[in-house]
Amino acid sequence: MAKFCCFRPSASRNKLEGSGKGESGVYSTGTPENVRLFSYNSLRKATRNFTPTNRVGRGGFGVVYKGILRDGTPVAIKSLSAESKQGISEFLTEIDMVSSVRHPNLVKLIGCCIEGNNRMLVYEYLENNSLANALLGPRKLQTFMDWPKRATVCIGTAQGLAFLHEEARPHIVHRDIKASNVLLDKDLTPKIGDFGLAKLFPDSVSHISTRVAGTMGYLAPEYALLGQLTKKADVYSFGVLVLEIVSGSSSSKSAWGTDLNVLLEWVWILLDKGRLLDIVDPEMQKYPDKDVLRFIKVALLCTQAAAQQRPSMKKVVDLLSQDVDIDVGNLIRPGIIKELNCTSKPPKFRQYRGNSTLRVDTPSTGDSHCSPLSTVELQPR
């Protein structure tokens, strides 16, 4: 597996033979041929001096801008915050990971920049931004997605994850699968991005004990509790993502039913009641009940309490792609981790398919309204 680092290696890092000098005049070590080095000035010009109107997103450690290179190529430029010391490790990890893997459902890394405190990654530009904006964001930013498009997004994302888990060498666990890290091109083809938290998984390793990192609402309970990371943590996160795609609702900004349950918790309640289709996004007026039910059941398989009972991502691809019956009668409901969700705006209620199924949207700005999402349940029920 090729390794690449824009920084001068520290004494603790293994030395890499050879060095190259990019257009920025900054030396790199072990630079792969498919990754370019950009000067800060060239990226500043590409983004029109990083104008706010070119801002297309924000990650955990910086801002993402749209830029146009001198040859007319549109790109997405991820700028690491100069104040973010924690993000340096993630920056290096992302280069190492993404420069060495290629798949239709993974975002392509074009190059990077390191000058002074400026650290940037240059990616292919994807016209429809992230799934978080296109499907779950403010209505003015949304792109209408019928069931065939949503199914394609689920399957494509699963294929990208299956590649990372089974075909990449060493295997890779993403650790932060969520709607904002699934990007969509002009044809709504999904591509997994943001590998800053990813971990390598050699064939001989069954799990890694590590600090817990990721996004609340997508974290597998055993990982959040014990820091025991396996590929099944990604499988759990993917299951939550599928439920978001089916329902058109964010797992972290919505509450369901009279008890204001989180999305995953509400789906397991509906399973007991035989009403799984109640979560389907009312924006989808036509959809095949049988196929949608299969996708919801796959999500339940992925979010089981026992990690070892969750399917591999390769198996998930098969289940999503084939017309098969899925037995969910003996699944064990997972522990649910809920976060505090305080807002300055009153909640918005939205009627779903079932007469008693209400979704409450709670915007995440301000602090005067607090929904009961502060409860933490970590033990399977």
Protein backbone atom coordinates (compact mmCIF):
# COMPACT_ATOMS: atom_id res chain seq x y z
CA MET A 1 0.00 0.00 0.00
CA ALA A 2 1.49 3.27 -1.10
CA LYS A 3 2.12 5.90 1.57
CA PHE A 4 2.15 9.62 1.05
CA CYS A 5 2.81 12.50 3.37
CA CYS A 6 2.93 16.20 2.62
CA PHE A 7 4.78 16.87 5.87
CA ARG A 8 8.40 16.28 6.70
CA PRO A 9 8.40 12.98 8.62
CA SER A 10 9.05 13.14 12.32
CA ALA A 11 11.57 10.94 14.11
CA SER A 12 8.77 8.61 15.13
CA ARG A 13 7.66 8.03 11.53
CA ASN A 14 9.28 5.46 9.30
CA LYS A 15 11.53 7.10 6.75
CA LEU A 16 10.38 6.84 3.16
CA GLU A 17 12.88 6.71 0.37
CA GLY A 18 12.97 9.42 -2.27
CA SER A 19 11.52 12.88 -2.33
CA GLY A 20 9.84 15.12 -4.84
CA LYS A 21 9.09 18.79 -5.24
CA GLY A 22 5.69 19.92 -6.44
CA GLU A 23 4.50 23.17 -7.99
CA SER A 24 4.22 24.64 -4.49
CA GLY A 25 7.95 24.32 -3.92
CA VAL A 26 7.21 22.13 -0.90
CA TYR A 27 9.05 18.85 -0.60
CA SER A 28 7.15 15.64 -0.05
CA THR A 29 8.19 12.09 0.68
CA GLY A 30 6.97 9.01 -1.13
CA THR A 31 4.62 11.01 -3.36
CA PRO A 32 2.40 8.74 -5.47
CA GLU A 33 2.11 9.65 -9.13
CA ASN A 34 -1.66 10.15 -8.95
CA VAL A 35 -1.51 12.90 -6.29
CA ARG A 36 -0.47 16.45 -7.22
CA LEU A 37 1.05 19.12 -5.02
CA PHE A 38 -0.60 22.54 -5.23
CA SER A 39 0.65 25.91 -4.07
CA TYR A 40 -1.45 27.88 -1.62
CA ASN A 41 -1.60 30.74 -4.11
CA SER A 42 -3.01 28.52 -6.86
CA LEU A 43 -5.78 27.27 -4.57
CA ARG A 44 -6.48 30.79 -3.31
CA LYS A 45 -7.03 31.87 -6.92
CA ALA A 46 -9.11 28.79 -7.65
CA THR A 47 -11.53 29.71 -4.85
CA ARG A 48 -11.46 33.48 -5.51
CA ASN A 49 -9.61 34.07 -2.28
CA PHE A 50 -11.74 31.52 -0.42
CA THR A 51 -14.83 33.66 -0.80
CA PRO A 52 -17.74 32.59 1.45
CA THR A 53 -19.95 32.16 -1.63
CA ASN A 54 -17.69 29.29 -2.69
CA ARG A 55 -18.08 27.49 0.62
CA VAL A 56 -19.87 24.19 0.06
CA GLY A 57 -19.45 22.43 3.38
CA ARG A 58 -17.78 22.15 6.74
CA GLY A 59 -16.01 19.10 8.15
CA GLY A 60 -14.83 18.30 11.63
CA PHE A 61 -11.51 20.06 11.13
CA GLY A 62 -12.12 22.75 8.52
CA VAL A 63 -14.12 24.16 5.63
CA VAL A 64 -14.71 22.84 2.10
CA TYR A 65 -14.69 25.25 -0.86
CA LYS A 66 -15.51 24.86 -4.52
CA GLY A 67 -12.64 25.91 -6.77
CA ILE A 68 -11.80 26.05 -10.46
CA LEU A 69 -8.24 25.12 -11.40
CA ARG A 70 -6.35 26.92 -14.16
CA ASP A 71 -7.24 24.20 -16.65
CA GLY A 72 -10.94 24.67 -15.88
CA THR A 73 -11.31 21.58 -13.70
CA PRO A 74 -13.81 22.06 -10.85
CA VAL A 75 -12.54 20.76 -7.51
CA ALA A 76 -13.52 20.62 -3.85
CA ILE A 77 -10.82 22.05 -1.59
CA LYS A 78 -10.86 20.92 2.02
CA SER A 79 -8.99 23.46 4.15
CA LEU A 80 -7.79 22.35 7.58
CA SER A 81 -8.27 24.99 10.23
CA ALA A 82 -4.92 26.53 11.17
CA GLU A 83 -5.93 26.36 14.84
CA SER A 84 -6.77 22.66 14.66
CA LYS A 85 -3.79 20.76 16.05
CA GLN A 86 -5.94 17.67 16.48
CA GLY A 87 -6.68 17.66 12.77
CA ILE A 88 -3.07 17.19 11.64
CA SER A 89 -3.18 13.46 12.30
CA GLU A 90 -6.50 13.18 10.48
CA PHE A 91 -5.08 15.18 7.56
CA LEU A 92 -2.15 12.76 7.21
CA THR A 93 -4.43 9.76 7.57
CA GLU A 94 -6.75 11.00 4.86
CA ILE A 95 -3.90 11.41 2.37
CA ASP A 96 -2.49 7.99 3.18
CA MET A 97 -5.86 6.30 2.82
CA VAL A 98 -7.38 7.99 -0.19
CA SER A 99 -4.27 8.23 -2.36
CA SER A 100 -3.96 4.45 -2.40
CA VAL A 101 -7.54 3.34 -3.10
CA ARG A 102 -9.70 3.78 -6.18
CA HIS A 103 -13.35 2.79 -6.53
CA PRO A 104 -16.38 4.32 -8.31
CA ASN A 105 -18.05 4.87 -4.93
CA LEU A 106 -15.10 6.57 -3.22
CA VAL A 107 -14.26 10.25 -3.65
CA LYS A 108 -11.10 10.71 -5.71
CA LEU A 109 -8.22 12.66 -4.15
CA ILE A 110 -6.48 14.89 -6.72
CA GLY A 111 -3.79 16.53 -4.61
CA CYS A 112 -2.83 18.49 -1.52
CA CYS A 113 -1.13 21.64 -0.34
CA ILE A 114 1.08 22.37 2.65
CA GLU A 115 2.62 25.80 3.10
CA GLY A 116 3.20 27.24 6.56
CA ASN A 117 0.00 26.68 8.51
CA ASN A 118 -2.02 25.98 5.37
CA ARG A 119 -2.96 22.35 4.89
CA MET A 120 -5.44 21.49 2.17
CA LEU A 121 -6.78 18.49 0.32
CA VAL A 122 -8.02 18.78 -3.27
CA TYR A 123 -10.80 16.40 -4.29
CA GLU A 124 -12.92 15.85 -7.34
CA TYR A 125 -15.95 18.14 -7.24
CA LEU A 126 -19.35 16.48 -6.89
CA GLU A 127 -22.21 18.59 -8.16
CA ASN A 128 -24.94 17.53 -5.73
CA ASN A 129 -22.93 18.09 -2.55
CA SER A 130 -23.62 15.65 0.27
CA LEU A 131 -26.55 13.41 1.02
CA ALA A 132 -27.02 15.48 4.18
CA ASN A 133 -27.85 18.51 2.03
CA ALA A 134 -29.50 16.85 -0.97
CA LEU A 135 -31.93 14.72 1.03
CA LEU A 136 -31.85 15.72 4.70
CA GLY A 137 -30.97 19.42 4.58
CA PRO A 138 -33.07 22.59 4.28
CA ARG A 139 -35.80 22.21 1.69
CA LYS A 140 -34.25 24.86 -0.59
CA LEU A 141 -31.09 22.75 -0.86
CA GLN A 142 -32.82 19.43 -1.36
CA THR A 143 -32.88 17.40 -4.57
CA PHE A 144 -35.99 15.29 -5.07
CA MET A 145 -35.07 11.63 -4.88
CA ASP A 146 -37.57 8.96 -5.84
CA TRP A 147 -37.19 5.40 -4.64
CA PRO A 148 -34.96 4.14 -7.50
CA LYS A 149 -32.51 6.97 -6.79
CA ARG A 150 -32.51 6.31 -3.04
CA ALA A 151 -32.02 2.60 -3.61
CA THR A 152 -29.07 3.36 -5.90
CA VAL A 153 -27.51 5.58 -3.23
CA CYS A 154 -27.87 2.82 -0.61
CA ILE A 155 -26.39 0.13 -2.85
CA GLY A 156 -23.55 2.33 -4.14
CA THR A 157 -22.55 3.35 -0.62
CA ALA A 158 -22.65 -0.30 0.45
CA GLN A 159 -20.41 -1.24 -2.49
CA GLY A 160 -17.88 1.44 -1.53
CA LEU A 161 -17.80 0.19 2.05
CA ALA A 162 -17.54 -3.44 0.94
CA PHE A 163 -14.49 -2.48 -1.14
CA LEU A 164 -12.83 -0.80 1.84
CA HIS A 165 -13.57 -3.75 4.13
CA GLU A 166 -12.75 -6.64 1.81
CA GLU A 167 -10.71 -5.56 -1.23
CA ALA A 168 -8.50 -2.69 -0.11
CA ARG A 169 -5.13 -3.85 1.20
CA PRO A 170 -4.83 -3.53 4.12
CA HIS A 171 -8.56 -3.41 4.82
CA ILE A 172 -9.93 -0.03 5.90
CA VAL A 173 -12.58 0.83 8.49
CA HIS A 174 -13.97 4.30 7.79
CA ARG A 175 -15.26 5.08 11.33
CA ASP A 176 -17.42 8.04 10.27
CA ILE A 177 -20.07 6.81 7.85
CA LYS A 178 -22.87 9.39 7.87
CA ALA A 179 -25.00 11.40 5.46
CA SER A 180 -22.58 14.35 5.26
CA ASN A 181 -19.76 12.00 4.24
CA VAL A 182 -21.69 10.49 1.34
CA LEU A 183 -21.29 12.84 -1.62
CA LEU A 184 -23.36 12.81 -4.81
CA ASP A 185 -22.24 13.55 -8.37
CA LYS A 186 -24.40 15.01 -11.15
CA ASP A 187 -26.09 11.63 -11.65
CA LEU A 188 -26.59 11.13 -7.89
CA THR A 189 -23.94 8.41 -7.82
CA PRO A 190 -22.81 8.16 -4.16
CA LYS A 191 -19.13 8.49 -3.23
CA ILE A 192 -17.81 8.03 0.30
CA GLY A 193 -15.55 10.86 1.46
CA ASP A 194 -13.69 12.18 4.53
CA PHE A 195 -11.21 9.47 5.55
CA GLY A 196 -9.68 11.49 8.37
CA LEU A 197 -10.80 9.02 11.05
CA ALA A 198 -10.19 5.84 9.03
CA LYS A 199 -8.18 2.95 10.42
CA LEU A 200 -6.19 0.23 8.65
CA PHE A 201 -7.21 -3.35 9.41
CA PRO A 202 -4.60 -5.98 8.45
CA ASP A 203 -5.97 -9.46 7.72
CA SER A 204 -4.61 -10.80 11.00
CA VAL A 205 -6.44 -8.23 13.16
CA SER A 206 -9.96 -8.88 14.43
CA HIS A 207 -10.42 -5.62 16.32
CA ILE A 208 -8.57 -2.50 17.39
CA SER A 209 -8.80 -0.81 20.78
CA THR A 210 -8.83 2.90 20.06
CA ARG A 211 -10.24 6.20 21.19
CA VAL A 212 -13.87 6.59 20.27
CA ALA A 213 -14.32 8.92 17.32
CA GLY A 214 -17.24 9.47 15.03
CA THR A 215 -20.66 11.09 15.06
CA MET A 216 -23.35 10.65 17.69
CA GLY A 217 -26.32 8.79 16.30
CA TYR A 218 -24.17 6.62 14.03
CA LEU A 219 -21.87 5.09 16.67
CA ALA A 220 -22.22 1.38 17.35
CA PRO A 221 -22.91 0.93 21.09
CA GLU A 222 -20.06 -1.54 21.68
CA TYR A 223 -17.63 0.86 20.06
CA ALA A 224 -18.94 3.86 21.99
CA LEU A 225 -18.78 1.92 25.27
CA LEU A 226 -15.55 -0.04 24.99
CA GLY A 227 -13.58 1.52 22.17
CA GLN A 228 -13.47 -1.91 20.49
CA LEU A 229 -13.40 -1.09 16.78
CA THR A 230 -14.28 -3.67 14.13
CA LYS A 231 -15.66 -3.49 10.62
CA LYS A 232 -19.09 -4.05 12.16
CA ALA A 233 -18.99 -0.49 13.55
CA ASP A 234 -19.18 0.74 9.93
CA VAL A 235 -21.98 -1.76 9.27
CA TYR A 236 -23.98 -0.28 12.17
CA SER A 237 -23.46 3.26 10.88
CA PHE A 238 -24.54 2.19 7.42
CA GLY A 239 -27.75 0.74 8.86
CA VAL A 240 -28.61 4.10 10.43
CA LEU A 241 -27.82 5.80 7.11
CA VAL A 242 -30.24 3.51 5.23
CA LEU A 243 -33.02 4.45 7.64
CA GLU A 244 -32.29 8.13 7.03
CA ILE A 245 -32.47 7.60 3.28
CA VAL A 246 -35.77 5.73 3.51
CA SER A 247 -37.36 8.22 5.93
CA GLY A 248 -35.82 11.42 4.55
CA SER A 249 -35.03 12.34 8.16
CA SER A 250 -31.82 13.04 10.02
CA SER A 251 -31.20 10.62 12.89
CA SER A 252 -29.66 13.42 14.95
CA LYS A 253 -32.20 16.20 14.32
CA SER A 254 -35.51 14.37 14.46
CA ALA A 255 -37.55 12.66 17.14
CA TRP A 256 -40.44 10.26 16.59
CA GLY A 257 -43.69 9.31 18.30
CA THR A 258 -45.22 10.70 21.44
CA ASP A 259 -42.11 9.75 23.47
CA LEU A 260 -39.80 11.54 21.04
CA ASN A 261 -37.69 8.53 20.14
CA VAL A 262 -34.63 8.74 17.91
CA LEU A 263 -35.06 7.30 14.41
CA LEU A 264 -33.34 3.98 15.03
CA GLU A 265 -35.24 3.42 18.28
CA TRP A 266 -38.55 4.23 16.60
CA VAL A 267 -37.94 1.74 13.78
CA TRP A 268 -37.37 -1.06 16.28
CA ILE A 269 -40.61 -0.07 18.02
CA LEU A 270 -42.43 -0.20 14.68
CA LEU A 271 -40.96 -3.65 14.04
CA ASP A 272 -42.75 -4.92 17.15
CA LYS A 273 -45.97 -3.33 15.89
CA GLY A 274 -45.62 -4.65 12.33
CA ARG A 275 -45.66 -1.10 10.92
CA LEU A 276 -42.18 -0.61 9.45
CA LEU A 277 -43.48 1.28 6.42
CA ASP A 278 -44.66 4.07 8.71
CA ILE A 279 -41.20 5.64 8.50
CA VAL A 280 -41.22 6.06 4.71
CA ASP A 281 -40.68 9.65 3.58
CA PRO A 282 -44.09 11.08 2.57
CA GLU A 283 -42.30 12.93 -0.26
CA MET A 284 -42.12 9.53 -1.98
CA GLN A 285 -45.70 9.09 -3.07
CA LYS A 286 -44.97 5.96 -5.09
CA TYR A 287 -42.63 3.16 -4.12
CA PRO A 288 -42.58 -0.66 -4.08
CA ASP A 289 -43.56 -1.73 -0.57
CA LYS A 290 -41.70 -5.04 -0.82
CA ASP A 291 -38.38 -3.44 -1.83
CA VAL A 292 -38.59 -0.67 0.75
CA LEU A 293 -39.38 -3.21 3.47
CA ARG A 294 -36.34 -5.22 2.43
CA PHE A 295 -34.08 -2.19 2.77
CA ILE A 296 -35.51 -1.38 6.22
CA LYS A 297 -34.95 -4.98 7.32
CA VAL A 298 -31.36 -4.85 6.08
CA ALA A 299 -30.91 -1.75 8.23
CA LEU A 300 -32.24 -3.71 11.22
CA LEU A 301 -29.78 -6.53 10.52
CA CYS A 302 -26.97 -3.97 10.42
CA THR A 303 -27.92 -2.37 13.74
CA GLN A 304 -28.35 -5.48 15.87
CA ALA A 305 -27.03 -5.37 19.42
CA ALA A 306 -24.49 -8.16 18.87
CA ALA A 307 -21.81 -6.95 16.49
CA GLN A 308 -20.94 -10.47 15.36
CA GLN A 309 -24.54 -10.99 14.21
CA ARG A 310 -24.41 -8.05 11.83
CA PRO A 311 -23.79 -9.02 8.20
CA SER A 312 -20.59 -8.15 6.35
CA MET A 313 -20.86 -5.28 3.88
CA LYS A 314 -20.42 -7.76 1.03
CA LYS A 315 -23.49 -9.61 2.33
CA VAL A 316 -25.33 -6.31 2.69
CA VAL A 317 -24.72 -5.53 -1.00
CA ASP A 318 -26.21 -8.91 -1.92
CA LEU A 319 -29.28 -8.40 0.30
CA LEU A 320 -29.94 -4.94 -1.10
CA SER A 321 -29.45 -6.02 -4.71
CA GLN A 322 -31.52 -9.22 -4.74
CA ASP A 323 -35.19 -9.95 -4.18
CA VAL A 324 -34.83 -12.07 -1.05
CA ASP A 325 -36.92 -12.61 2.06
CA ILE A 326 -35.25 -11.43 5.27
CA ASP A 327 -36.19 -12.88 8.65
CA VAL A 328 -36.03 -10.26 11.40
CA GLY A 329 -38.00 -12.22 13.98
CA ASN A 330 -35.08 -13.09 16.25
CA LEU A 331 -33.05 -9.90 16.19
CA ILE A 332 -31.97 -8.25 19.45
CA ARG A 333 -32.63 -4.54 19.71
CA PRO A 334 -29.43 -2.49 20.16
CA GLY A 335 -28.68 -0.08 22.94
CA ILE A 336 -29.52 3.44 21.82
CA ILE A 337 -27.22 6.39 22.40
CA LYS A 338 -29.03 9.71 22.44
CA GLU A 339 -27.49 13.15 22.57
CA LEU A 340 -28.68 16.44 24.01
CA ASN A 341 -30.42 18.42 21.30
CA CYS A 342 -31.16 22.01 22.34
CA THR A 343 -32.60 24.58 19.98
CA SER A 344 -33.77 28.16 20.03
CA LYS A 345 -36.61 27.40 17.62
CA PRO A 346 -39.79 25.50 18.44
CA PRO A 347 -39.99 21.97 17.03
CA LYS A 348 -41.77 21.33 13.73
CA PHE A 349 -44.18 18.41 13.55
CA ARG A 350 -44.58 16.38 10.40
CA GLN A 351 -47.21 13.67 9.83
CA TYR A 352 -45.95 10.38 8.43
CA ARG A 353 -47.72 7.40 6.95
CA GLY A 354 -49.10 6.00 10.20
CA ASN A 355 -51.80 8.04 11.93
CA SER A 356 -49.89 7.93 15.21
CA THR A 357 -46.45 8.44 13.63
CA LEU A 358 -45.20 11.97 14.08
CA ARG A 359 -41.73 13.24 13.38
CA VAL A 360 -40.45 16.25 15.27
CA ASP A 361 -37.77 18.34 13.57
CA THR A 362 -35.53 20.14 16.06
CA PRO A 363 -33.13 22.63 14.45
CA SER A 364 -29.69 22.53 16.06
CA THR A 365 -29.12 26.24 16.66
CA GLY A 366 -29.56 28.19 19.88
CA ASP A 367 -30.18 26.83 23.34
CA SER A 368 -33.64 27.72 24.58
CA HIS A 369 -35.48 24.56 23.59
CA CYS A 370 -34.21 21.15 24.74
CA SER A 371 -35.71 17.95 23.41
CA PRO A 372 -35.47 14.81 25.55
CA LEU A 373 -32.59 13.49 23.46
CA SER A 374 -30.23 13.79 26.40
CA THR A 375 -30.95 10.27 27.66
CA VAL A 376 -28.13 7.78 27.20
CA GLU A 377 -28.99 4.07 26.93
CA LEU A 378 -26.06 1.78 26.28
CA GLN A 379 -27.33 -1.63 27.35
CA PRO A 380 -29.21 -3.76 24.79
CA ARG A 381 -32.86 -4.24 25.59
